[in-house]
Each structure stands twice: as structure tokens, then as C-alpha cells.
PDB file of N, CA and C in Angstrom:
ATOM      1  N   MET A   1      -0.705  -9.017 -36.245  1.00  0.00           N
ATOM      2  CA  MET A   1      -1.179 -10.371 -36.110  1.00  0.00           C
ATOM      3  C   MET A   1      -0.753 -10.935 -34.756  1.00  0.00           C
ATOM      4  N   GLY A   2       0.511 -11.059 -34.470  1.00  0.00           N
ATOM      5  CA  GLY A   2       0.997 -11.466 -33.156  1.00  0.00           C
ATOM      6  C   GLY A   2       0.943 -12.962 -32.916  1.00  0.00           C
ATOM      7  N   ILE A   3       1.327 -13.320 -31.716  1.00  0.00           N
ATOM      8  CA  ILE A   3       1.350 -14.711 -31.302  1.00  0.00           C
ATOM      9  C   ILE A   3       0.066 -15.011 -30.547  1.00  0.00           C
ATOM     10  N   LYS A   4      -0.569 -16.121 -30.899  1.00  0.00           N
ATOM     11  CA  LYS A   4      -1.802 -16.500 -30.223  1.00  0.00           C
ATOM     12  C   LYS A   4      -1.535 -17.690 -29.310  1.00  0.00           C
ATOM     13  N   LEU A   5      -1.865 -17.520 -28.038  1.00  0.00           N
ATOM     14  CA  LEU A   5      -1.732 -18.609 -27.081  1.00  0.00           C
ATOM     15  C   LEU A   5      -2.957 -19.491 -27.178  1.00  0.00           C
ATOM     16  N   ARG A   6      -2.727 -20.777 -27.289  1.00  0.00           N
ATOM     17  CA  ARG A   6      -3.847 -21.713 -27.356  1.00  0.00           C
ATOM     18  C   ARG A   6      -4.158 -22.299 -25.988  1.00  0.00           C
ATOM     19  N   SER A   7      -3.194 -22.263 -25.059  1.00  0.00           N
ATOM     20  CA  SER A   7      -3.419 -22.803 -23.726  1.00  0.00           C
ATOM     21  C   SER A   7      -2.806 -21.858 -22.693  1.00  0.00           C
ATOM     22  N   ARG A   8      -3.646 -21.080 -22.048  1.00  0.00           N
ATOM     23  CA  ARG A   8      -3.149 -20.137 -21.042  1.00  0.00           C
ATOM     24  C   ARG A   8      -2.682 -20.846 -19.781  1.00  0.00           C
ATOM     25  N   SER A   9      -3.218 -22.016 -19.513  1.00  0.00           N
ATOM     26  CA  SER A   9      -2.821 -22.734 -18.302  1.00  0.00           C
ATOM     27  C   SER A   9      -1.366 -23.193 -18.376  1.00  0.00           C
ATOM     28  N   ALA A  10      -0.803 -23.288 -19.559  1.00  0.00           N
ATOM     29  CA  ALA A  10       0.602 -23.679 -19.705  1.00  0.00           C
ATOM     30  C   ALA A  10       1.552 -22.536 -19.361  1.00  0.00           C
ATOM     31  N   LEU A  11       1.018 -21.341 -19.127  1.00  0.00           N
ATOM     32  CA  LEU A  11       1.880 -20.226 -18.738  1.00  0.00           C
ATOM     33  C   LEU A  11       2.422 -20.399 -17.319  1.00  0.00           C
ATOM     34  N   ILE A  12       1.705 -21.140 -16.486  1.00  0.00           N
ATOM     35  CA  ILE A  12       2.173 -21.367 -15.110  1.00  0.00           C
ATOM     36  C   ILE A  12       3.457 -22.198 -15.108  1.00  0.00           C
ATOM     37  N   PRO A  13       3.476 -23.389 -15.745  1.00  0.00           N
ATOM     38  CA  PRO A  13       4.751 -24.115 -15.777  1.00  0.00           C
ATOM     39  C   PRO A  13       5.818 -23.392 -16.594  1.00  0.00           C
ATOM     40  N   LEU A  14       5.419 -22.610 -17.581  1.00  0.00           N
ATOM     41  CA  LEU A  14       6.404 -21.845 -18.351  1.00  0.00           C
ATOM     42  C   LEU A  14       7.106 -20.833 -17.452  1.00  0.00           C
ATOM     43  N   ALA A  15       6.346 -20.118 -16.630  1.00  0.00           N
ATOM     44  CA  ALA A  15       6.950 -19.147 -15.716  1.00  0.00           C
ATOM     45  C   ALA A  15       7.823 -19.845 -14.673  1.00  0.00           C
ATOM     46  N   LEU A  16       7.328 -20.951 -14.137  1.00  0.00           N
ATOM     47  CA  LEU A  16       8.088 -21.694 -13.128  1.00  0.00           C
ATOM     48  C   LEU A  16       9.407 -22.198 -13.693  1.00  0.00           C
ATOM     49  N   TRP A  17       9.372 -22.890 -14.812  1.00  0.00           N
ATOM     50  CA  TRP A  17      10.587 -23.495 -15.360  1.00  0.00           C
ATOM     51  C   TRP A  17      11.530 -22.452 -15.933  1.00  0.00           C
ATOM     52  N   SER A  18      11.009 -21.349 -16.420  1.00  0.00           N
ATOM     53  CA  SER A  18      11.891 -20.271 -16.872  1.00  0.00           C
ATOM     54  C   SER A  18      12.649 -19.668 -15.694  1.00  0.00           C
ATOM     55  N   ALA A  19      11.952 -19.463 -14.579  1.00  0.00           N
ATOM     56  CA  ALA A  19      12.607 -18.924 -13.387  1.00  0.00           C
ATOM     57  C   ALA A  19      13.641 -19.899 -12.833  1.00  0.00           C
ATOM     58  N   VAL A  20      13.327 -21.183 -12.833  1.00  0.00           N
ATOM     59  CA  VAL A  20      14.273 -22.186 -12.342  1.00  0.00           C
ATOM     60  C   VAL A  20      15.488 -22.260 -13.261  1.00  0.00           C
ATOM     61  N   THR A  21      15.283 -22.097 -14.566  1.00  0.00           N
ATOM     62  CA  THR A  21      16.412 -22.094 -15.499  1.00  0.00           C
ATOM     63  C   THR A  21      17.330 -20.907 -15.233  1.00  0.00           C
ATOM     64  N   VAL A  22      16.751 -19.743 -15.029  1.00  0.00           N
ATOM     65  CA  VAL A  22      17.559 -18.556 -14.731  1.00  0.00           C
ATOM     66  C   VAL A  22      18.305 -18.748 -13.412  1.00  0.00           C
ATOM     67  N   LEU A  23      17.637 -19.308 -12.420  1.00  0.00           N
ATOM     68  CA  LEU A  23      18.282 -19.598 -11.137  1.00  0.00           C
ATOM     69  C   LEU A  23      19.431 -20.593 -11.323  1.00  0.00           C
ATOM     70  N   GLY A  24      19.214 -21.617 -12.130  1.00  0.00           N
ATOM     71  CA  GLY A  24      20.257 -22.605 -12.391  1.00  0.00           C
ATOM     72  C   GLY A  24      21.453 -22.007 -13.090  1.00  0.00           C
ATOM     73  N   VAL A  25      21.221 -21.121 -14.048  1.00  0.00           N
ATOM     74  CA  VAL A  25      22.336 -20.445 -14.727  1.00  0.00           C
ATOM     75  C   VAL A  25      23.130 -19.614 -13.731  1.00  0.00           C
ATOM     76  N   ALA A  26      22.440 -18.939 -12.828  1.00  0.00           N
ATOM     77  CA  ALA A  26      23.127 -18.135 -11.810  1.00  0.00           C
ATOM     78  C   ALA A  26      23.930 -19.022 -10.862  1.00  0.00           C
ATOM     79  N   LEU A  27      23.359 -20.154 -10.461  1.00  0.00           N
ATOM     80  CA  LEU A  27      24.067 -21.062  -9.562  1.00  0.00           C
ATOM     81  C   LEU A  27      25.312 -21.647 -10.220  1.00  0.00           C
ATOM     82  N   VAL A  28      25.177 -22.094 -11.461  1.00  0.00           N
ATOM     83  CA  VAL A  28      26.323 -22.658 -12.175  1.00  0.00           C
ATOM     84  C   VAL A  28      27.370 -21.584 -12.411  1.00  0.00           C
ATOM     85  N   GLY A  29      26.944 -20.375 -12.717  1.00  0.00           N
ATOM     86  CA  GLY A  29      27.893 -19.273 -12.897  1.00  0.00           C
ATOM     87  C   GLY A  29      28.629 -18.932 -11.611  1.00  0.00           C
ATOM     88  N   GLY A  30      27.926 -18.991 -10.483  1.00  0.00           N
ATOM     89  CA  GLY A  30      28.560 -18.716  -9.198  1.00  0.00           C
ATOM     90  C   GLY A  30      29.606 -19.756  -8.841  1.00  0.00           C
ATOM     91  N   VAL A  31      29.316 -21.011  -9.112  1.00  0.00           N
ATOM     92  CA  VAL A  31      30.280 -22.078  -8.848  1.00  0.00           C
ATOM     93  C   VAL A  31      31.462 -21.960  -9.797  1.00  0.00           C
ATOM     94  N   SER A  32      31.176 -21.609 -11.034  1.00  0.00           N
ATOM     95  CA  SER A  32      32.245 -21.451 -12.031  1.00  0.00           C
ATOM     96  C   SER A  32      33.183 -20.303 -11.657  1.00  0.00           C
ATOM     97  N   ASP A  33      32.638 -19.233 -11.103  1.00  0.00           N
ATOM     98  CA  ASP A  33      33.463 -18.084 -10.705  1.00  0.00           C
ATOM     99  C   ASP A  33      34.417 -18.415  -9.554  1.00  0.00           C
ATOM    100  N   GLN A  34      34.081 -19.412  -8.752  1.00  0.00           N
ATOM    101  CA  GLN A  34      34.942 -19.804  -7.639  1.00  0.00           C
ATOM    102  C   GLN A  34      36.164 -20.592  -8.107  1.00  0.00           C
ATOM    103  N   GLN A  35      36.138 -21.065  -9.325  1.00  0.00           N
ATOM    104  CA  GLN A  35      37.235 -21.801  -9.964  1.00  0.00           C
ATOM    105  C   GLN A  35      37.675 -23.016  -9.157  1.00  0.00           C
ATOM    106  N   ALA A  36      36.730 -23.712  -8.575  1.00  0.00           N
ATOM    107  CA  ALA A  36      37.037 -24.960  -7.876  1.00  0.00           C
ATOM    108  C   ALA A  36      37.273 -26.045  -8.915  1.00  0.00           C
ATOM    109  N   PRO A  37      38.330 -26.828  -8.762  1.00  0.00           N
ATOM    110  CA  PRO A  37      38.629 -27.849  -9.761  1.00  0.00           C
ATOM    111  C   PRO A  37      37.521 -28.906  -9.846  1.00  0.00           C
ATOM    112  N   GLY A  38      37.070 -29.156 -11.049  1.00  0.00           N
ATOM    113  CA  GLY A  38      36.046 -30.164 -11.287  1.00  0.00           C
ATOM    114  C   GLY A  38      34.617 -29.699 -11.133  1.00  0.00           C
ATOM    115  N   TYR A  39      34.418 -28.448 -10.770  1.00  0.00           N
ATOM    116  CA  TYR A  39      33.058 -27.925 -10.590  1.00  0.00           C
ATOM    117  C   TYR A  39      32.851 -26.712 -11.459  1.00  0.00           C
ATOM    118  N   PRO A  40      31.727 -26.496 -12.057  1.00  0.00           N
ATOM    119  CA  PRO A  40      30.601 -27.413 -12.152  1.00  0.00           C
ATOM    120  C   PRO A  40      30.896 -28.499 -13.185  1.00  0.00           C
ATOM    121  N   ASN A  41      30.504 -29.704 -12.880  1.00  0.00           N
ATOM    122  CA  ASN A  41      30.694 -30.776 -13.849  1.00  0.00           C
ATOM    123  C   ASN A  41      29.469 -30.855 -14.759  1.00  0.00           C
ATOM    124  N   LEU A  42      29.561 -31.689 -15.770  1.00  0.00           N
ATOM    125  CA  LEU A  42      28.504 -31.763 -16.779  1.00  0.00           C
ATOM    126  C   LEU A  42      27.163 -32.184 -16.170  1.00  0.00           C
ATOM    127  N   ALA A  43      27.196 -33.102 -15.223  1.00  0.00           N
ATOM    128  CA  ALA A  43      25.947 -33.560 -14.608  1.00  0.00           C
ATOM    129  C   ALA A  43      25.250 -32.415 -13.869  1.00  0.00           C
ATOM    130  N   GLN A  44      26.004 -31.563 -13.209  1.00  0.00           N
ATOM    131  CA  GLN A  44      25.403 -30.432 -12.509  1.00  0.00           C
ATOM    132  C   GLN A  44      24.802 -29.431 -13.486  1.00  0.00           C
ATOM    133  N   VAL A  45      25.484 -29.185 -14.582  1.00  0.00           N
ATOM    134  CA  VAL A  45      24.961 -28.249 -15.583  1.00  0.00           C
ATOM    135  C   VAL A  45      23.670 -28.797 -16.184  1.00  0.00           C
ATOM    136  N   ILE A  46      23.634 -30.086 -16.465  1.00  0.00           N
ATOM    137  CA  ILE A  46      22.417 -30.687 -17.010  1.00  0.00           C
ATOM    138  C   ILE A  46      21.286 -30.601 -15.987  1.00  0.00           C
ATOM    139  N   TYR A  47      21.584 -30.890 -14.721  1.00  0.00           N
ATOM    140  CA  TYR A  47      20.557 -30.914 -13.676  1.00  0.00           C
ATOM    141  C   TYR A  47      20.001 -29.523 -13.389  1.00  0.00           C
ATOM    142  N   TYR A  48      20.870 -28.533 -13.320  1.00  0.00           N
ATOM    143  CA  TYR A  48      20.437 -27.192 -12.924  1.00  0.00           C
ATOM    144  C   TYR A  48      20.027 -26.294 -14.076  1.00  0.00           C
ATOM    145  N   VAL A  49      20.499 -26.589 -15.292  1.00  0.00           N
ATOM    146  CA  VAL A  49      20.179 -25.730 -16.436  1.00  0.00           C
ATOM    147  C   VAL A  49      19.447 -26.504 -17.530  1.00  0.00           C
ATOM    148  N   GLY A  50      19.947 -27.665 -17.886  1.00  0.00           N
ATOM    149  CA  GLY A  50      19.393 -28.416 -19.021  1.00  0.00           C
ATOM    150  C   GLY A  50      17.978 -28.905 -18.803  1.00  0.00           C
ATOM    151  N   VAL A  51      17.730 -29.555 -17.677  1.00  0.00           N
ATOM    152  CA  VAL A  51      16.393 -30.108 -17.411  1.00  0.00           C
ATOM    153  C   VAL A  51      15.345 -29.001 -17.281  1.00  0.00           C
ATOM    154  N   PRO A  52      15.592 -27.962 -16.478  1.00  0.00           N
ATOM    155  CA  PRO A  52      14.587 -26.890 -16.429  1.00  0.00           C
ATOM    156  C   PRO A  52      14.405 -26.171 -17.768  1.00  0.00           C
ATOM    157  N   GLY A  53      15.481 -26.022 -18.527  1.00  0.00           N
ATOM    158  CA  GLY A  53      15.360 -25.394 -19.840  1.00  0.00           C
ATOM    159  C   GLY A  53      14.524 -26.230 -20.795  1.00  0.00           C
ATOM    160  N   LEU A  54      14.710 -27.541 -20.749  1.00  0.00           N
ATOM    161  CA  LEU A  54      13.915 -28.446 -21.581  1.00  0.00           C
ATOM    162  C   LEU A  54      12.441 -28.380 -21.193  1.00  0.00           C
ATOM    163  N   LEU A  55      12.159 -28.360 -19.902  1.00  0.00           N
ATOM    164  CA  LEU A  55      10.773 -28.285 -19.449  1.00  0.00           C
ATOM    165  C   LEU A  55      10.145 -26.920 -19.759  1.00  0.00           C
ATOM    166  N   ALA A  56      10.930 -25.852 -19.708  1.00  0.00           N
ATOM    167  CA  ALA A  56      10.420 -24.531 -20.100  1.00  0.00           C
ATOM    168  C   ALA A  56      10.089 -24.520 -21.585  1.00  0.00           C
ATOM    169  N   SER A  57      10.932 -25.150 -22.387  1.00  0.00           N
ATOM    170  CA  SER A  57      10.657 -25.231 -23.832  1.00  0.00           C
ATOM    171  C   SER A  57       9.394 -26.040 -24.094  1.00  0.00           C
ATOM    172  N   ALA A  58       9.223 -27.146 -23.374  1.00  0.00           N
ATOM    173  CA  ALA A  58       8.019 -27.960 -23.532  1.00  0.00           C
ATOM    174  C   ALA A  58       6.773 -27.170 -23.119  1.00  0.00           C
ATOM    175  N   ALA A  59       6.879 -26.373 -22.067  1.00  0.00           N
ATOM    176  CA  ALA A  59       5.740 -25.557 -21.628  1.00  0.00           C
ATOM    177  C   ALA A  59       5.414 -24.477 -22.660  1.00  0.00           C
ATOM    178  N   LEU A  60       6.438 -23.907 -23.272  1.00  0.00           N
ATOM    179  CA  LEU A  60       6.202 -22.903 -24.306  1.00  0.00           C
ATOM    180  C   LEU A  60       5.502 -23.530 -25.507  1.00  0.00           C
ATOM    181  N   LEU A  61       5.963 -24.697 -25.924  1.00  0.00           N
ATOM    182  CA  LEU A  61       5.304 -25.383 -27.039  1.00  0.00           C
ATOM    183  C   LEU A  61       3.868 -25.760 -26.681  1.00  0.00           C
ATOM    184  N   THR A  62       3.644 -26.140 -25.443  1.00  0.00           N
ATOM    185  CA  THR A  62       2.286 -26.460 -24.990  1.00  0.00           C
ATOM    186  C   THR A  62       1.401 -25.219 -25.051  1.00  0.00           C
ATOM    187  N   ALA A  63       1.927 -24.084 -24.605  1.00  0.00           N
ATOM    188  CA  ALA A  63       1.138 -22.845 -24.613  1.00  0.00           C
ATOM    189  C   ALA A  63       0.793 -22.413 -26.035  1.00  0.00           C
ATOM    190  N   LEU A  64       1.700 -22.664 -26.960  1.00  0.00           N
ATOM    191  CA  LEU A  64       1.482 -22.199 -28.327  1.00  0.00           C
ATOM    192  C   LEU A  64       0.660 -23.159 -29.178  1.00  0.00           C
ATOM    193  N   PHE A  65       0.800 -24.460 -28.942  1.00  0.00           N
ATOM    194  CA  PHE A  65       0.225 -25.409 -29.891  1.00  0.00           C
ATOM    195  C   PHE A  65      -0.822 -26.358 -29.326  1.00  0.00           C
ATOM    196  N   ALA A  66      -0.889 -26.551 -28.024  1.00  0.00           N
ATOM    197  CA  ALA A  66      -1.866 -27.491 -27.466  1.00  0.00           C
ATOM    198  C   ALA A  66      -3.228 -26.819 -27.362  1.00  0.00           C
ATOM    199  N   GLY A  67      -4.258 -27.601 -27.510  1.00  0.00           N
ATOM    200  CA  GLY A  67      -5.612 -27.084 -27.363  1.00  0.00           C
ATOM    201  C   GLY A  67      -5.921 -26.784 -25.905  1.00  0.00           C
ATOM    202  N   LYS A  68      -7.125 -26.304 -25.662  1.00  0.00           N
ATOM    203  CA  LYS A  68      -7.491 -25.885 -24.304  1.00  0.00           C
ATOM    204  C   LYS A  68      -7.475 -27.054 -23.318  1.00  0.00           C
ATOM    205  N   ASN A  69      -8.172 -28.142 -23.637  1.00  0.00           N
ATOM    206  CA  ASN A  69      -8.241 -29.272 -22.702  1.00  0.00           C
ATOM    207  C   ASN A  69      -6.918 -30.015 -22.618  1.00  0.00           C
ATOM    208  N   GLY A  70      -6.294 -30.269 -23.743  1.00  0.00           N
ATOM    209  CA  GLY A  70      -4.994 -30.936 -23.747  1.00  0.00           C
ATOM    210  C   GLY A  70      -3.927 -30.088 -23.091  1.00  0.00           C
ATOM    211  N   GLY A  71      -4.042 -28.784 -23.227  1.00  0.00           N
ATOM    212  CA  GLY A  71      -3.091 -27.875 -22.605  1.00  0.00           C
ATOM    213  C   GLY A  71      -3.157 -27.915 -21.098  1.00  0.00           C
ATOM    214  N   ARG A  72      -4.353 -28.061 -20.564  1.00  0.00           N
ATOM    215  CA  ARG A  72      -4.496 -28.165 -19.102  1.00  0.00           C
ATOM    216  C   ARG A  72      -3.829 -29.430 -18.586  1.00  0.00           C
ATOM    217  N   LEU A  73      -4.052 -30.519 -19.282  1.00  0.00           N
ATOM    218  CA  LEU A  73      -3.451 -31.785 -18.873  1.00  0.00           C
ATOM    219  C   LEU A  73      -1.932 -31.713 -18.974  1.00  0.00           C
ATOM    220  N   LEU A  74      -1.429 -31.207 -20.087  1.00  0.00           N
ATOM    221  CA  LEU A  74       0.022 -31.104 -20.253  1.00  0.00           C
ATOM    222  C   LEU A  74       0.635 -30.119 -19.259  1.00  0.00           C
ATOM    223  N   ALA A  75      -0.072 -29.057 -18.933  1.00  0.00           N
ATOM    224  CA  ALA A  75       0.439 -28.103 -17.944  1.00  0.00           C
ATOM    225  C   ALA A  75       0.578 -28.779 -16.586  1.00  0.00           C
ATOM    226  N   PHE A  76      -0.388 -29.611 -16.218  1.00  0.00           N
ATOM    227  CA  PHE A  76      -0.296 -30.349 -14.964  1.00  0.00           C
ATOM    228  C   PHE A  76       0.868 -31.331 -15.001  1.00  0.00           C
ATOM    229  N   VAL A  77       1.012 -32.038 -16.112  1.00  0.00           N
ATOM    230  CA  VAL A  77       2.100 -33.012 -16.253  1.00  0.00           C
ATOM    231  C   VAL A  77       3.456 -32.303 -16.189  1.00  0.00           C
ATOM    232  N   LEU A  78       3.548 -31.096 -16.729  1.00  0.00           N
ATOM    233  CA  LEU A  78       4.810 -30.356 -16.691  1.00  0.00           C
ATOM    234  C   LEU A  78       5.150 -29.844 -15.295  1.00  0.00           C
ATOM    235  N   LEU A  79       4.187 -29.785 -14.406  1.00  0.00           N
ATOM    236  CA  LEU A  79       4.460 -29.373 -13.033  1.00  0.00           C
ATOM    237  C   LEU A  79       4.969 -30.528 -12.170  1.00  0.00           C
ATOM    238  N   LEU A  80       4.657 -31.758 -12.539  1.00  0.00           N
ATOM    239  CA  LEU A  80       5.062 -32.914 -11.739  1.00  0.00           C
ATOM    240  C   LEU A  80       6.571 -33.077 -11.596  1.00  0.00           C
ATOM    241  N   PRO A  81       7.385 -32.873 -12.645  1.00  0.00           N
ATOM    242  CA  PRO A  81       8.831 -33.005 -12.444  1.00  0.00           C
ATOM    243  C   PRO A  81       9.394 -32.003 -11.443  1.00  0.00           C
ATOM    244  N   GLY A  82       8.642 -30.967 -11.151  1.00  0.00           N
ATOM    245  CA  GLY A  82       9.080 -29.998 -10.156  1.00  0.00           C
ATOM    246  C   GLY A  82       9.242 -30.618  -8.780  1.00  0.00           C
ATOM    247  N   LEU A  83       8.373 -31.549  -8.450  1.00  0.00           N
ATOM    248  CA  LEU A  83       8.490 -32.222  -7.161  1.00  0.00           C
ATOM    249  C   LEU A  83       9.815 -32.975  -7.062  1.00  0.00           C
ATOM    250  N   ILE A  84      10.167 -33.676  -8.121  1.00  0.00           N
ATOM    251  CA  ILE A  84      11.412 -34.450  -8.131  1.00  0.00           C
ATOM    252  C   ILE A  84      12.617 -33.513  -8.118  1.00  0.00           C
ATOM    253  N   LEU A  85      12.586 -32.488  -8.960  1.00  0.00           N
ATOM    254  CA  LEU A  85      13.728 -31.589  -9.070  1.00  0.00           C
ATOM    255  C   LEU A  85      13.925 -30.776  -7.793  1.00  0.00           C
ATOM    256  N   PHE A  86      12.840 -30.345  -7.172  1.00  0.00           N
ATOM    257  CA  PHE A  86      12.974 -29.527  -5.970  1.00  0.00           C
ATOM    258  C   PHE A  86      13.444 -30.334  -4.770  1.00  0.00           C
ATOM    259  N   PHE A  87      13.211 -31.641  -4.760  1.00  0.00           N
ATOM    260  CA  PHE A  87      13.802 -32.460  -3.710  1.00  0.00           C
ATOM    261  C   PHE A  87      15.324 -32.431  -3.825  1.00  0.00           C
ATOM    262  N   GLY A  88      15.836 -32.404  -5.043  1.00  0.00           N
ATOM    263  CA  GLY A  88      17.271 -32.310  -5.248  1.00  0.00           C
ATOM    264  C   GLY A  88      17.820 -30.946  -4.864  1.00  0.00           C
ATOM    265  N   PHE A  89      17.085 -29.879  -5.195  1.00  0.00           N
ATOM    266  CA  PHE A  89      17.509 -28.530  -4.858  1.00  0.00           C
ATOM    267  C   PHE A  89      17.568 -28.312  -3.346  1.00  0.00           C
ATOM    268  N   THR A  90      16.597 -28.911  -2.635  1.00  0.00           N
ATOM    269  CA  THR A  90      16.471 -28.629  -1.214  1.00  0.00           C
ATOM    270  C   THR A  90      17.053 -29.715  -0.327  1.00  0.00           C
ATOM    271  N   GLY A  91      17.504 -30.800  -0.892  1.00  0.00           N
ATOM    272  CA  GLY A  91      18.095 -31.874  -0.100  1.00  0.00           C
ATOM    273  C   GLY A  91      17.088 -32.916   0.358  1.00  0.00           C
ATOM    274  N   GLY A  92      15.877 -32.897  -0.189  1.00  0.00           N
ATOM    275  CA  GLY A  92      14.891 -33.915   0.143  1.00  0.00           C
ATOM    276  C   GLY A  92      14.028 -33.521   1.324  1.00  0.00           C
ATOM    277  N   VAL A  93      13.409 -34.506   1.897  1.00  0.00           N
ATOM    278  CA  VAL A  93      12.468 -34.264   2.988  1.00  0.00           C
ATOM    279  C   VAL A  93      13.208 -34.251   4.305  1.00  0.00           C
TER     280      VAL A  93
END
């Protein structure tokens, strides 16, 4: 029987946010290995791991349960927070 995707367009934000989550886990792990006092703090863990993980979960739910037209709209909406988050990753403009 298997899993049926209802919105293939949601796979794009799913791949993006999954990769960013893995990158965030690696970054937080690297800072943690340095054993600097106070780092990583809770806000950094939420910013680098929690937010991308939440958006990846939302993209997965969109791919599995949203219809074709609604899935396209939600996939676009799930890409918008990337602009905000990547300004933080890169230091802005």
C-alpha cells in the first residue's frame, strides 16, 4: 500500500528545511563540543534546530495531507520563512 503524497510541491520545502535542520544540529553540536561557557544557549538551539525542524514537520504534513492546489500555496508559504531565517544565518544584507 505505502504512503501516498498528495502534494509533490511540498517536497521542495521539506528537503530545504530538513537540510537546514541537519545543518543546525551540526552547528549546535560543534559549539557544544568547544565547551564554551553559556553556549549554545536555549535561544540558539531553538533558532538553529527548533524552527527549521518545525517547518520541516509542517512541510511533511503538507505533502501528506494537503490537496494539490492547497499544497502549492502552503509550499510557497513554507518557503517564505527561509528569507527571514537565512538573513540570520548569513548576517543580513
